[in-house]
């Protein structure tokens, strides 16, 4: 069991078919302009508040290599989940893009996709669609020749080169007009991934912070809490990866890459498109690995240094929504390089996957009210995706519930390791743990890690009696709950006469105080250093396959217990950053 020094605070039924015209115009990206199209839109199933729709696109013009379809809803409907297309939505305007297997539509051919949506009041079908910037009238049309940026209209066929591995215009310029964009990037730019408040950085400013992923698509990546112009984003992504000794090889980390791979590999299934603000980076160089350390104490033991490690990782850890109550898979981008002191051998791993944190469909108990950390499992509902793997080796996700709140009200106590005495539970104990135990193996490879991510000031806790079972820590402060954090909130109200909301900049409950431990690390590989796994880090192979992610493992040092410690930081140290939940 990993002990902690929590109190230190540092440390989305009628079928309606439409072959229609009209609509908005969007950029064509890397597709040739369609010169005629029809769209059949049908509502396959409808229930109170929700519906399933199917969309068939027929190309009546020249063949296209990829497509973007846009339309507008008239009654506030929202796309909540799509298959065979990547979708994003801004207000009433919806954009759907092909996935890897259905981008090409020959003349007279049809591409299809579907989606689930939400509605309220009524659910009229859209009356206008646009395909690659061309109005879908149901008739072929004659259009002038259009030059796509980066191509020529005569002469030899232009050579297509792979995109660069880095973005030299990071933070200063948008992606090239013909760049392919990921769902994660689209959600930030036009969807729900980033909704700036008054005075915060605009979507356009945010869209300048991007990188190319391994698939050549554009992804959002780390950005500072404030832009160089001075505006604040209202959220943070942890450590600046440029400070890492591994950055030269790793470059910018592509947030949401695993979700894109999952969507392409399983277009008819459910996907995990994680919210943008939950991506958190850890960068630690020259971390000493102490002989005998197994992570069971807050402080490392006294002993010899057996290895020195550089760590750069990104873990998705939002602590503000209902998501983690049921969903146990979250994106980890992990980079670790350790030099062993006994022989100078280097062990190295570059691993990316949706990793499981405990069992899907629910969460485990924290040490409040205790006493068994992770000893009680609360079943909440189905996870998304439904095939989420289960991690039973680690303690998994441990989230505070109303039982802890009741223990605080009753004045119950617990033994505090640091002070060596019994102390009352208070708002400092409304925290979250995220354990995991991950391994990849072949006949020649054995790789394992067991990281811990610990959040000391989340904005939520679980309450089965609350709407959506989601309750807010800050609201407890107006119920005379004890604790330093609530003392801060009450002082603000006394001074201003204003109640502090859960997403107020002034609320201390915003998920910024985090302890990241990379944890146990082991790699022994006598085979190829490049290995391919599925999106969950399973089914390892030395050859790529549909839906695979390329991994890297190097080193064959004799087995040795290695526990890699990270850091505890408050990423809200600068008040000028104006960070607030959701974060």
Protein backbone atom coordinates (compact mmCIF):
# COMPACT_ATOMS: atom_id res chain seq x y z
CA UNK A 1 0.00 0.00 0.00
CA UNK A 2 1.24 3.43 -0.90
CA UNK A 3 1.11 5.69 2.11
CA UNK A 4 0.92 9.45 1.72
CA UNK A 5 1.48 12.69 3.48
CA UNK A 6 -1.79 14.23 2.42
CA UNK A 7 -2.04 16.80 5.13
CA UNK A 8 1.19 18.49 4.11
CA UNK A 9 -0.65 20.01 1.08
CA UNK A 10 2.61 20.18 -0.80
CA UNK A 11 3.74 17.59 -0.68
CA UNK A 12 -26.17 11.58 -26.85
CA UNK A 13 -39.75 6.09 -34.76
CA UNK A 14 -39.76 7.66 -37.93
CA UNK A 15 -37.35 7.39 -40.83
CA UNK A 16 -36.91 10.64 -42.75
CA UNK A 17 -34.91 10.56 -45.95
CA UNK A 18 -33.60 13.78 -47.49
CA UNK A 19 -31.71 14.48 -50.68
CA UNK A 20 -31.16 18.14 -49.95
CA UNK A 21 -29.36 21.32 -50.83
CA UNK A 22 -27.77 24.22 -49.00
CA UNK A 23 -25.63 24.56 -45.91
CA UNK A 24 -22.41 26.08 -44.74
CA UNK A 25 -19.02 25.87 -46.39
CA UNK A 26 -16.00 24.23 -44.76
CA UNK A 27 -12.38 23.84 -45.70
CA UNK A 28 -11.69 20.90 -48.03
CA UNK A 29 -8.50 19.82 -46.25
CA UNK A 30 -6.73 17.21 -48.40
CA UNK A 31 -9.82 16.15 -50.46
CA UNK A 32 -10.63 17.14 -54.03
CA UNK A 33 -13.84 19.19 -54.26
CA UNK A 34 -16.97 17.09 -54.94
CA UNK A 35 -18.99 18.36 -57.90
CA UNK A 36 -22.31 16.82 -56.94
CA UNK A 37 -23.75 14.86 -54.04
CA UNK A 38 -26.88 13.69 -52.32
CA UNK A 39 -27.38 12.91 -48.66
CA UNK A 40 -29.96 10.49 -47.19
CA UNK A 41 -30.51 11.28 -43.51
CA UNK A 42 -32.79 8.93 -41.54
CA UNK A 43 -33.76 8.67 -37.88
CA UNK A 44 -33.58 4.94 -37.20
CA UNK A 45 -34.69 5.03 -33.56
CA UNK A 46 -35.96 7.77 -31.29
CA UNK A 47 -36.74 7.84 -27.57
CA UNK A 48 -37.38 10.54 -25.02
CA UNK A 49 -34.36 12.80 -25.16
CA UNK A 50 -32.33 10.66 -27.58
CA UNK A 51 -32.18 9.22 -31.09
CA UNK A 52 -30.05 7.23 -33.53
CA UNK A 53 -29.51 8.57 -37.06
CA UNK A 54 -27.97 7.07 -40.20
CA UNK A 55 -26.37 9.18 -42.92
CA UNK A 56 -25.61 8.00 -46.49
CA UNK A 57 -23.51 10.22 -48.74
CA UNK A 58 -23.66 9.55 -52.50
CA UNK A 59 -20.95 11.14 -54.62
CA UNK A 60 -22.38 12.41 -57.96
CA UNK A 61 -19.18 14.10 -59.08
CA UNK A 62 -15.50 13.21 -59.41
CA UNK A 63 -14.05 10.62 -57.06
CA UNK A 64 -12.84 11.96 -53.71
CA UNK A 65 -10.08 10.65 -51.49
CA UNK A 66 -11.51 11.96 -48.25
CA UNK A 67 -14.60 13.86 -47.20
CA UNK A 68 -16.01 16.38 -44.77
CA UNK A 69 -19.79 16.70 -44.41
CA UNK A 70 -21.43 19.62 -42.60
CA UNK A 71 -24.97 20.45 -41.58
CA UNK A 72 -26.89 22.46 -38.99
CA UNK A 73 -29.49 21.28 -36.52
CA UNK A 74 -32.60 23.46 -36.16
CA UNK A 75 -33.81 22.49 -32.69
CA UNK A 76 -30.75 22.27 -30.49
CA UNK A 77 -29.93 18.61 -31.13
CA UNK A 78 -26.47 17.38 -30.20
CA UNK A 79 -24.33 14.54 -31.54
CA UNK A 80 -23.23 12.48 -28.56
CA UNK A 81 -21.50 9.48 -30.18
CA UNK A 82 -20.63 8.61 -33.81
CA UNK A 83 -19.35 5.58 -35.70
CA UNK A 84 -17.68 5.38 -39.14
CA UNK A 85 -17.02 9.12 -38.88
CA UNK A 86 -15.33 11.58 -36.62
CA UNK A 87 -17.66 14.34 -35.54
CA UNK A 88 -17.42 17.71 -33.85
CA UNK A 89 -20.07 20.30 -33.10
CA UNK A 90 -20.10 24.04 -32.46
CA UNK A 91 -23.55 25.27 -31.46
CA UNK A 92 -25.97 24.02 -34.14
CA UNK A 93 -23.21 23.34 -36.69
CA UNK A 94 -21.98 19.75 -37.05
CA UNK A 95 -18.90 18.56 -38.92
CA UNK A 96 -18.39 14.88 -39.80
CA UNK A 97 -15.16 13.56 -41.32
CA UNK A 98 -14.32 10.18 -42.78
CA UNK A 99 -12.30 7.62 -40.89
CA UNK A 100 -9.42 5.66 -42.39
CA UNK A 101 -11.48 2.94 -44.16
CA UNK A 102 -14.23 5.06 -45.81
CA UNK A 103 -12.51 8.21 -47.04
CA UNK A 104 -12.55 7.31 -50.74
CA UNK A 105 -15.90 7.65 -52.55
CA UNK A 106 -15.87 6.80 -56.27
CA UNK A 107 -18.30 8.47 -58.68
CA UNK A 108 -21.75 7.05 -57.97
CA UNK A 109 -20.59 5.34 -54.78
CA UNK A 110 -21.88 5.85 -51.24
CA UNK A 111 -20.22 6.29 -47.85
CA UNK A 112 -22.22 5.77 -44.67
CA UNK A 113 -21.95 6.63 -41.01
CA UNK A 114 -24.23 6.89 -38.02
CA UNK A 115 -24.52 8.63 -34.69
CA UNK A 116 -26.46 8.87 -31.47
CA UNK A 117 -27.85 12.26 -30.53
CA UNK A 118 -29.84 14.11 -27.92
CA UNK A 119 -32.92 16.32 -28.42
CA UNK A 120 -35.44 18.29 -26.42
CA UNK A 121 -38.84 19.51 -27.62
CA UNK A 122 -38.70 18.21 -31.20
CA UNK A 123 -36.23 16.51 -33.50
CA UNK A 124 -36.55 17.81 -37.11
CA UNK A 125 -34.15 16.45 -39.70
CA UNK A 126 -31.54 18.78 -41.15
CA UNK A 127 -32.52 20.41 -44.44
CA UNK A 128 -29.11 21.17 -45.92
CA UNK A 129 -25.80 19.35 -46.26
CA UNK A 130 -22.45 20.37 -47.71
CA UNK A 131 -19.76 17.91 -48.85
CA UNK A 132 -16.20 19.18 -49.15
CA UNK A 133 -17.51 22.70 -49.67
CA UNK A 134 -20.07 21.69 -52.33
CA UNK A 135 -23.83 22.04 -51.77
CA UNK A 136 -25.59 18.64 -52.01
CA UNK A 137 -28.45 19.26 -54.49
CA UNK A 138 -28.93 15.63 -55.54
CA UNK A 139 -27.69 16.55 -59.01
CA UNK A 140 -24.21 16.60 -60.56
CA UNK A 141 -22.93 20.10 -61.21
CA UNK A 142 -20.19 21.62 -63.30
CA UNK A 143 -17.62 23.56 -61.31
CA UNK A 144 -14.47 25.40 -62.29
CA UNK A 145 -11.12 23.73 -61.65
CA UNK A 146 -9.92 24.48 -58.14
CA UNK A 147 -6.32 24.45 -57.06
CA UNK A 148 -5.77 22.84 -53.68
CA UNK A 149 -3.01 24.56 -51.72
CA UNK A 150 0.29 22.73 -52.17
CA UNK A 151 -0.63 21.16 -55.55
CA UNK A 152 -0.41 22.15 -59.21
CA UNK A 153 -3.05 21.96 -61.98
CA UNK A 154 -0.63 20.82 -64.68
CA UNK A 155 2.71 19.08 -64.98
CA UNK A 156 3.88 16.06 -62.98
CA UNK A 157 1.91 14.77 -60.02
CA UNK A 158 3.19 16.50 -56.87
CA UNK A 159 5.07 14.37 -54.36
CA UNK A 160 3.38 13.93 -51.00
CA UNK A 161 5.81 13.98 -48.12
CA UNK A 162 5.25 12.96 -44.52
CA UNK A 163 4.56 15.83 -42.13
CA UNK A 164 7.41 16.92 -39.94
CA UNK A 165 7.70 15.30 -36.53
CA UNK A 166 7.57 18.65 -34.79
CA UNK A 167 5.66 21.92 -35.02
CA UNK A 168 8.08 24.81 -35.40
CA UNK A 169 5.18 27.25 -35.10
CA UNK A 170 4.02 25.88 -31.74
CA UNK A 171 1.99 28.52 -29.95
CA UNK A 172 2.33 31.01 -32.82
CA UNK A 173 0.56 29.65 -35.91
CA UNK A 174 -2.29 27.35 -36.96
CA UNK A 175 -1.74 24.05 -38.82
CA UNK A 176 -1.32 24.13 -42.61
CA UNK A 177 -4.69 24.45 -44.41
CA UNK A 178 -4.36 20.95 -45.90
CA UNK A 179 -3.36 19.23 -42.67
CA UNK A 180 -5.46 16.34 -41.44
CA UNK A 181 -6.81 16.99 -37.97
CA UNK A 182 -7.68 14.59 -35.20
CA UNK A 183 -10.94 14.45 -33.29
CA UNK A 184 -9.10 15.69 -30.20
CA UNK A 185 -7.97 18.81 -32.09
CA UNK A 186 -11.39 19.37 -33.69
CA UNK A 187 -13.05 19.26 -30.28
CA UNK A 188 -10.74 21.97 -29.02
CA UNK A 189 -11.15 24.20 -32.06
CA UNK A 190 -14.88 23.85 -32.85
CA UNK A 191 -16.40 21.58 -30.21
CA UNK A 192 -16.64 21.27 -26.47
CA UNK A 193 -12.96 20.73 -25.79
CA UNK A 194 -12.31 24.37 -24.96
CA UNK A 195 -14.96 26.95 -24.14
CA UNK A 196 -13.25 30.19 -23.15
CA UNK A 197 -14.81 32.49 -20.63
CA UNK A 198 -14.95 36.22 -21.04
CA UNK A 199 -11.41 37.54 -21.04
CA UNK A 200 -9.77 34.14 -21.54
CA UNK A 201 -7.72 33.15 -24.60
CA UNK A 202 -9.88 32.61 -27.70
CA UNK A 203 -10.28 29.26 -29.47
CA UNK A 204 -8.01 30.55 -32.23
CA UNK A 205 -5.24 31.24 -29.77
CA UNK A 206 -5.68 27.82 -28.19
CA UNK A 207 -5.62 26.19 -31.65
CA UNK A 208 -2.03 27.35 -32.15
CA UNK A 209 -0.78 24.83 -29.62
CA UNK A 210 -0.66 21.66 -31.69
CA UNK A 211 1.64 18.88 -32.82
CA UNK A 212 1.73 16.10 -35.41
CA UNK A 213 0.88 12.63 -34.09
CA UNK A 214 2.46 9.37 -35.28
CA UNK A 215 -0.35 9.13 -37.87
CA UNK A 216 0.52 12.54 -39.34
CA UNK A 217 -2.65 14.15 -37.99
CA UNK A 218 -2.75 17.32 -35.93
CA UNK A 219 -3.30 16.93 -32.20
CA UNK A 220 -3.56 19.36 -29.31
CA UNK A 221 -0.57 19.31 -27.01
CA UNK A 222 0.81 20.96 -23.91
CA UNK A 223 0.45 24.70 -23.55
CA UNK A 224 1.25 27.04 -20.68
CA UNK A 225 -1.56 28.34 -18.45
CA UNK A 226 -1.16 31.72 -20.17
CA UNK A 227 -0.40 32.62 -23.78
CA UNK A 228 2.51 34.91 -24.59
CA UNK A 229 -0.03 37.67 -25.29
CA UNK A 230 -0.98 37.55 -21.60
CA UNK A 231 -4.41 35.93 -21.82
CA UNK A 232 -5.09 32.91 -19.61
CA UNK A 233 -6.61 29.59 -20.68
CA UNK A 234 -8.16 28.86 -17.28
CA UNK A 235 -6.62 25.37 -17.11
CA UNK A 236 -3.17 23.81 -16.95
CA UNK A 237 -1.47 20.69 -18.26
CA UNK A 238 1.24 20.23 -15.68
CA UNK A 239 4.97 20.39 -16.39
CA UNK A 240 6.45 21.97 -19.50
CA UNK A 241 7.78 18.95 -21.48
CA UNK A 242 10.57 21.10 -22.92
CA UNK A 243 12.27 20.95 -19.55
CA UNK A 244 12.73 17.18 -19.90
CA UNK A 245 15.98 15.58 -21.02
CA UNK A 246 13.75 13.26 -23.07
CA UNK A 247 12.04 16.05 -25.02
CA UNK A 248 14.55 16.01 -27.88
CA UNK A 249 13.47 12.46 -28.71
CA UNK A 250 9.84 12.60 -27.57
CA UNK A 251 8.92 16.04 -28.95
CA UNK A 252 5.46 17.40 -28.17
CA UNK A 253 3.06 14.80 -26.75
CA UNK A 254 -0.11 14.31 -28.89
CA UNK A 255 -3.09 14.49 -26.55
CA UNK A 256 -5.84 12.02 -27.56
CA UNK A 257 -3.83 9.87 -29.99
CA UNK A 258 -5.10 6.59 -28.51
CA UNK A 259 -8.72 7.66 -28.96
CA UNK A 260 -8.05 8.38 -32.62
CA UNK A 261 -6.50 4.93 -33.09
CA UNK A 262 -9.46 3.34 -31.34
CA UNK A 263 -11.93 5.23 -33.54
CA UNK A 264 -10.16 4.16 -36.74
CA UNK A 265 -9.75 0.53 -35.68
CA UNK A 266 -13.28 0.08 -34.36
CA UNK A 267 -15.49 2.58 -36.23
CA UNK A 268 -18.75 0.87 -35.23
CA UNK A 269 -17.91 0.80 -31.54
CA UNK A 270 -17.89 3.21 -28.66
CA UNK A 271 -14.86 5.42 -28.21
CA UNK A 272 -13.10 7.37 -25.48
CA UNK A 273 -12.74 11.03 -26.40
CA UNK A 274 -11.37 12.44 -23.18
CA UNK A 275 -11.86 16.07 -22.25
CA UNK A 276 -8.97 18.33 -23.12
CA UNK A 277 -8.36 19.88 -19.75
CA UNK A 278 -7.66 16.52 -18.07
CA UNK A 279 -4.34 15.86 -19.84
CA UNK A 280 -1.50 16.31 -17.30
CA UNK A 281 2.25 16.15 -17.94
CA UNK A 282 5.03 15.12 -15.56
CA UNK A 283 8.68 15.85 -16.25
CA UNK A 284 11.38 14.74 -13.83
CA UNK A 285 15.08 14.38 -14.62
CA UNK A 286 17.81 12.63 -12.66
CA UNK A 287 15.47 10.84 -10.27
CA UNK A 288 17.43 8.56 -7.96
CA UNK A 289 16.20 4.97 -7.62
CA UNK A 290 17.04 3.75 -4.11
CA UNK A 291 17.82 0.14 -3.37
CA UNK A 292 14.97 -1.46 -1.42
CA UNK A 293 12.44 1.26 -2.20
CA UNK A 294 9.00 -0.22 -2.89
CA UNK A 295 6.93 2.95 -2.59
CA UNK A 296 5.21 2.01 0.67
CA UNK A 297 6.41 5.12 2.45
CA UNK A 298 6.05 8.79 1.66
CA UNK A 299 9.79 9.29 1.98
CA UNK A 300 12.30 7.04 0.18
CA UNK A 301 14.35 4.76 2.42
CA UNK A 302 17.99 5.31 3.18
CA UNK A 303 20.18 3.29 0.86
CA UNK A 304 22.34 3.12 -2.22
CA UNK A 305 21.30 4.68 -5.51
CA UNK A 306 21.00 1.81 -8.01
CA UNK A 307 19.82 3.82 -11.04
CA UNK A 308 19.11 7.34 -12.19
CA UNK A 309 16.03 7.95 -14.36
CA UNK A 310 14.54 10.64 -16.57
CA UNK A 311 10.76 10.53 -16.82
CA UNK A 312 8.37 12.31 -19.18
CA UNK A 313 4.77 11.19 -19.14
CA UNK A 314 1.25 12.40 -19.80
CA UNK A 315 -1.76 10.92 -18.04
CA UNK A 316 -5.39 11.89 -18.51
CA UNK A 317 -6.72 12.64 -15.08
CA UNK A 318 -9.71 14.93 -15.00
CA UNK A 319 -11.12 15.24 -11.48
CA UNK A 320 -14.20 17.38 -12.10
CA UNK A 321 -16.78 15.26 -14.00
CA UNK A 322 -18.78 12.02 -13.59
CA UNK A 323 -16.53 10.26 -16.10
CA UNK A 324 -14.26 8.40 -13.71
CA UNK A 325 -17.17 7.07 -11.64
CA UNK A 326 -17.60 4.36 -14.34
CA UNK A 327 -14.83 4.67 -16.91
CA UNK A 328 -11.52 3.14 -15.92
CA UNK A 329 -9.38 3.54 -19.07
CA UNK A 330 -7.38 6.70 -19.48
CA UNK A 331 -4.61 7.72 -21.87
CA UNK A 332 -1.03 7.33 -20.73
CA UNK A 333 1.95 8.50 -22.77
CA UNK A 334 4.99 7.17 -20.93
CA UNK A 335 8.68 7.87 -21.58
CA UNK A 336 11.35 6.59 -19.18
CA UNK A 337 15.12 6.22 -19.52
CA UNK A 338 17.13 4.78 -16.64
CA UNK A 339 20.88 4.35 -16.36
CA UNK A 340 21.92 1.50 -14.02
CA UNK A 341 24.77 2.37 -11.71
CA UNK A 342 26.28 -1.12 -11.56
CA UNK A 343 27.18 -1.46 -15.24
CA UNK A 344 26.02 1.74 -16.95
CA UNK A 345 23.39 -0.15 -18.99
CA UNK A 346 20.40 1.91 -20.09
CA UNK A 347 16.81 0.66 -19.83
CA UNK A 348 14.32 2.67 -21.85
CA UNK A 349 10.61 2.58 -22.70
CA UNK A 350 8.31 4.66 -24.89
CA UNK A 351 4.81 3.33 -24.30
CA UNK A 352 1.40 4.79 -25.25
CA UNK A 353 -1.97 3.20 -24.40
CA UNK A 354 -5.34 3.57 -22.79
CA UNK A 355 -4.46 1.99 -19.47
CA UNK A 356 -6.98 0.53 -17.00
CA UNK A 357 -7.21 1.93 -13.50
CA UNK A 358 -8.96 -0.83 -11.61
CA UNK A 359 -12.31 -2.28 -12.65
CA UNK A 360 -14.76 -0.64 -15.09
CA UNK A 361 -18.21 0.44 -14.00
CA UNK A 362 -17.28 1.78 -10.60
CA UNK A 363 -14.53 2.82 -8.23
CA UNK A 364 -12.84 1.88 -5.01
CA UNK A 365 -12.80 3.56 -1.62
CA UNK A 366 -10.14 5.95 -0.39
CA UNK A 367 -8.78 5.91 3.14
CA UNK A 368 -11.63 8.22 4.26
CA UNK A 369 -13.43 6.98 6.27
CA UNK A 370 -11.26 3.89 5.95
CA UNK A 371 -9.76 1.81 7.19
CA UNK A 372 -9.05 -0.33 4.12
CA UNK A 373 -7.67 1.64 1.18
CA UNK A 374 -9.50 0.31 -1.90
CA UNK A 375 -11.34 -2.24 0.22
CA UNK A 376 -14.86 -1.33 -0.92
CA UNK A 377 -16.00 -1.17 -4.60
CA UNK A 378 -18.93 1.08 -5.57
CA UNK A 379 -20.70 -0.13 -8.74
CA UNK A 380 -22.15 2.86 -10.63
CA UNK A 381 -22.98 1.92 -14.25
CA UNK A 382 -21.66 0.77 -17.63
CA UNK A 383 -18.29 1.98 -18.80
CA UNK A 384 -17.45 3.43 -22.21
CA UNK A 385 -16.10 1.60 -24.12
CA UNK A 386 -17.97 -1.53 -23.03
CA UNK A 387 -14.88 -3.67 -23.69
CA UNK A 388 -12.71 -1.72 -21.26
CA UNK A 389 -10.18 -4.09 -19.71
CA UNK A 390 -10.05 -4.60 -15.97
CA UNK A 391 -6.97 -4.11 -13.83
CA UNK A 392 -7.26 -6.27 -10.70
CA UNK A 393 -3.59 -6.19 -9.69
CA UNK A 394 -3.62 -2.59 -8.50
CA UNK A 395 -6.02 -0.71 -6.25
CA UNK A 396 -7.43 1.16 -9.28
CA UNK A 397 -9.40 4.41 -8.98
CA UNK A 398 -10.15 5.41 -5.43
CA UNK A 399 -12.62 8.30 -5.25
CA UNK A 400 -14.06 10.07 -2.24
CA UNK A 401 -17.75 9.50 -1.57
CA UNK A 402 -20.41 10.82 0.79
CA UNK A 403 -19.21 8.40 3.47
CA UNK A 404 -16.10 10.49 3.96
CA UNK A 405 -18.19 13.64 4.24
CA UNK A 406 -20.28 12.01 6.95
CA UNK A 407 -17.14 10.98 8.80
CA UNK A 408 -15.98 14.61 8.80
CA UNK A 409 -19.34 15.76 10.13
CA UNK A 410 -19.21 13.20 12.92
CA UNK A 411 -15.68 14.13 13.91
CA UNK A 412 -14.23 10.69 13.24
CA UNK A 413 -10.46 10.38 13.41
CA UNK A 414 -7.70 8.44 11.69
CA UNK A 415 -4.05 7.75 12.36
CA UNK A 416 -1.74 10.15 10.55
CA UNK A 417 1.63 8.66 9.72
CA UNK A 418 3.55 11.92 9.55
CA UNK A 419 2.48 13.26 12.93
CA UNK A 420 2.15 9.84 14.56
CA UNK A 421 -1.21 10.63 16.17
CA UNK A 422 -4.97 10.41 15.69
CA UNK A 423 -6.41 13.44 13.87
CA UNK A 424 -9.97 14.29 12.72
CA UNK A 425 -10.93 13.82 9.09
CA UNK A 426 -11.43 17.14 7.28
CA UNK A 427 -11.69 18.59 3.76
CA UNK A 428 -8.01 17.82 3.21
CA UNK A 429 -9.05 14.14 3.09
CA UNK A 430 -11.42 14.60 0.11
CA UNK A 431 -8.82 13.29 -2.31
CA UNK A 432 -8.40 10.74 -5.15
CA UNK A 433 -5.90 7.98 -5.98
CA UNK A 434 -5.34 6.49 -9.43
CA UNK A 435 -3.37 3.23 -9.33
CA UNK A 436 -2.55 1.00 -12.29
CA UNK A 437 -0.49 -2.07 -13.11
CA UNK A 438 0.50 -2.45 -16.77
CA UNK A 439 2.58 -5.09 -18.52
CA UNK A 440 3.56 -5.98 -22.10
CA UNK A 441 5.19 -9.29 -22.92
CA UNK A 442 6.37 -11.47 -25.79
CA UNK A 443 8.76 -14.41 -25.86
CA UNK A 444 11.60 -11.88 -25.78
CA UNK A 445 10.08 -8.89 -23.96
CA UNK A 446 8.98 -8.30 -20.42
CA UNK A 447 7.85 -4.75 -19.56
CA UNK A 448 5.93 -3.62 -16.52
CA UNK A 449 5.03 -0.37 -14.77
CA UNK A 450 2.76 0.40 -11.84
CA UNK A 451 2.21 4.16 -11.65
CA UNK A 452 0.27 6.11 -9.05
CA UNK A 453 -1.41 9.44 -9.67
CA UNK A 454 -2.76 11.21 -6.62
CA UNK A 455 -4.91 14.38 -6.56
CA UNK A 456 -5.21 16.22 -3.30
CA UNK A 457 -7.79 18.90 -4.23
CA UNK A 458 -10.34 17.51 -6.73
CA UNK A 459 -13.51 19.50 -7.30
CA UNK A 460 -15.90 16.55 -7.03
CA UNK A 461 -16.96 13.68 -4.83
CA UNK A 462 -19.48 10.86 -5.35
CA UNK A 463 -22.94 11.17 -3.81
CA UNK A 464 -25.59 8.64 -4.97
CA UNK A 465 -28.34 11.07 -3.88
CA UNK A 466 -27.06 14.02 -5.93
CA UNK A 467 -28.03 14.85 -9.54
CA UNK A 468 -25.85 12.68 -11.79
CA UNK A 469 -24.37 11.40 -8.50
CA UNK A 470 -21.91 14.28 -8.70
CA UNK A 471 -21.36 16.57 -5.71
CA UNK A 472 -18.95 19.48 -5.22
CA UNK A 473 -16.44 19.84 -2.44
CA UNK A 474 -16.80 23.61 -2.27
CA UNK A 475 -20.50 23.37 -1.40
CA UNK A 476 -19.56 21.57 1.80
CA UNK A 477 -17.84 24.70 3.01
CA UNK A 478 -21.26 26.28 3.57
CA UNK A 479 -22.26 23.38 5.84
CA UNK A 480 -19.66 24.10 8.51
CA UNK A 481 -17.36 21.28 7.36
CA UNK A 482 -13.92 21.57 8.94
CA UNK A 483 -10.67 21.99 7.01
CA UNK A 484 -8.17 24.52 5.73
CA UNK A 485 -9.63 24.59 2.23
CA UNK A 486 -13.11 25.40 3.52
CA UNK A 487 -11.65 28.02 5.85
CA UNK A 488 -10.29 29.75 2.71
CA UNK A 489 -13.70 29.59 1.02
CA UNK A 490 -15.54 30.95 4.05
CA UNK A 491 -13.11 33.84 4.38
CA UNK A 492 -13.76 34.82 0.76
CA UNK A 493 -17.51 34.84 1.39
CA UNK A 494 -17.12 36.85 4.57
CA UNK A 495 -14.99 39.44 2.78
CA UNK A 496 -16.99 39.71 -0.46
CA UNK A 497 -20.49 38.53 0.45
CA UNK A 498 -20.27 36.16 -2.53
CA UNK A 499 -20.74 32.40 -2.52
CA UNK A 500 -17.84 30.60 -4.20
CA UNK A 501 -19.00 28.32 -7.04
CA UNK A 502 -17.31 25.01 -7.90
CA UNK A 503 -15.71 26.51 -11.03
CA UNK A 504 -14.76 29.83 -9.47
CA UNK A 505 -11.12 30.82 -9.85
CA UNK A 506 -11.08 31.47 -6.11
CA UNK A 507 -12.10 27.92 -5.17
CA UNK A 508 -9.16 25.83 -3.90
CA UNK A 509 -10.86 22.64 -5.20
CA UNK A 510 -9.53 22.52 -8.77
CA UNK A 511 -7.32 19.42 -9.14
CA UNK A 512 -4.02 21.30 -9.28
CA UNK A 513 -2.26 19.76 -6.28
CA UNK A 514 -0.93 16.44 -7.58
CA UNK A 515 1.53 13.76 -6.67
CA UNK A 516 2.74 11.75 -9.66
CA UNK A 517 4.75 8.59 -9.03
CA UNK A 518 5.92 6.68 -12.14
CA UNK A 519 6.25 3.77 -9.72
CA UNK A 520 7.76 0.36 -10.44
CA UNK A 521 9.60 0.05 -13.72
CA UNK A 522 11.09 -3.01 -15.39
CA UNK A 523 12.06 -3.81 -18.97
CA UNK A 524 14.00 -6.79 -20.33
CA UNK A 525 14.10 -7.13 -24.09
CA UNK A 526 16.34 -9.45 -26.08
CA UNK A 527 14.38 -8.95 -29.30
CA UNK A 528 13.43 -6.06 -31.58
CA UNK A 529 13.10 -2.77 -29.77
CA UNK A 530 10.03 -1.81 -31.83
CA UNK A 531 6.88 -3.62 -30.73
CA UNK A 532 3.23 -3.07 -31.67
CA UNK A 533 0.23 -3.38 -29.33
CA UNK A 534 -3.46 -2.65 -29.52
CA UNK A 535 -4.84 0.54 -28.01
CA UNK A 536 -5.02 -1.09 -24.57
CA UNK A 537 -1.37 -2.18 -24.66
CA UNK A 538 -2.28 -5.83 -25.35
CA UNK A 539 -1.64 -8.36 -28.15
CA UNK A 540 2.03 -7.42 -28.54
CA UNK A 541 3.57 -8.20 -31.92
CA UNK A 542 6.78 -7.38 -33.74
CA UNK A 543 4.77 -6.49 -36.86
CA UNK A 544 2.14 -3.75 -37.18
CA UNK A 545 -1.54 -4.62 -37.48
CA UNK A 546 -4.82 -2.74 -37.91
CA UNK A 547 -5.35 -0.55 -34.88
CA UNK A 548 -1.85 -1.00 -33.51
CA UNK A 549 0.33 1.52 -31.72
CA UNK A 550 4.10 1.48 -32.12
CA UNK A 551 5.98 1.07 -28.85
CA UNK A 552 9.68 1.05 -27.96
CA UNK A 553 11.48 -1.05 -25.34
CA UNK A 554 15.22 -1.27 -24.91
CA UNK A 555 17.46 -2.83 -22.27
CA UNK A 556 18.15 -6.25 -20.82
CA UNK A 557 19.47 -5.55 -17.35
CA UNK A 558 19.19 -8.37 -14.81
CA UNK A 559 15.96 -8.23 -12.77
CA UNK A 560 16.11 -5.61 -10.04
CA UNK A 561 13.40 -3.91 -8.02
CA UNK A 562 13.10 -0.34 -9.24
CA UNK A 563 10.66 2.20 -7.86
CA UNK A 564 10.79 5.52 -9.67
CA UNK A 565 9.56 8.48 -7.66
CA UNK A 566 8.11 11.53 -9.36
CA UNK A 567 7.10 14.75 -7.68
CA UNK A 568 4.39 16.55 -5.75
CA UNK A 569 3.50 19.99 -7.09
CA UNK A 570 0.82 22.63 -6.82
CA UNK A 571 0.16 23.74 -10.39
CA UNK A 572 -1.86 26.68 -9.08
CA UNK A 573 1.15 28.36 -7.51
CA UNK A 574 0.80 31.45 -9.73
CA UNK A 575 -2.53 33.20 -9.07
CA UNK A 576 -2.13 35.20 -12.29
CA UNK A 577 -2.72 31.99 -14.26
CA UNK A 578 -6.42 32.20 -13.25
CA UNK A 579 -6.87 28.43 -13.16
CA UNK A 580 -10.31 27.12 -12.28
CA UNK A 581 -12.31 23.90 -12.50
CA UNK A 582 -12.85 22.15 -14.84
CA UNK A 583 -9.15 21.58 -14.97
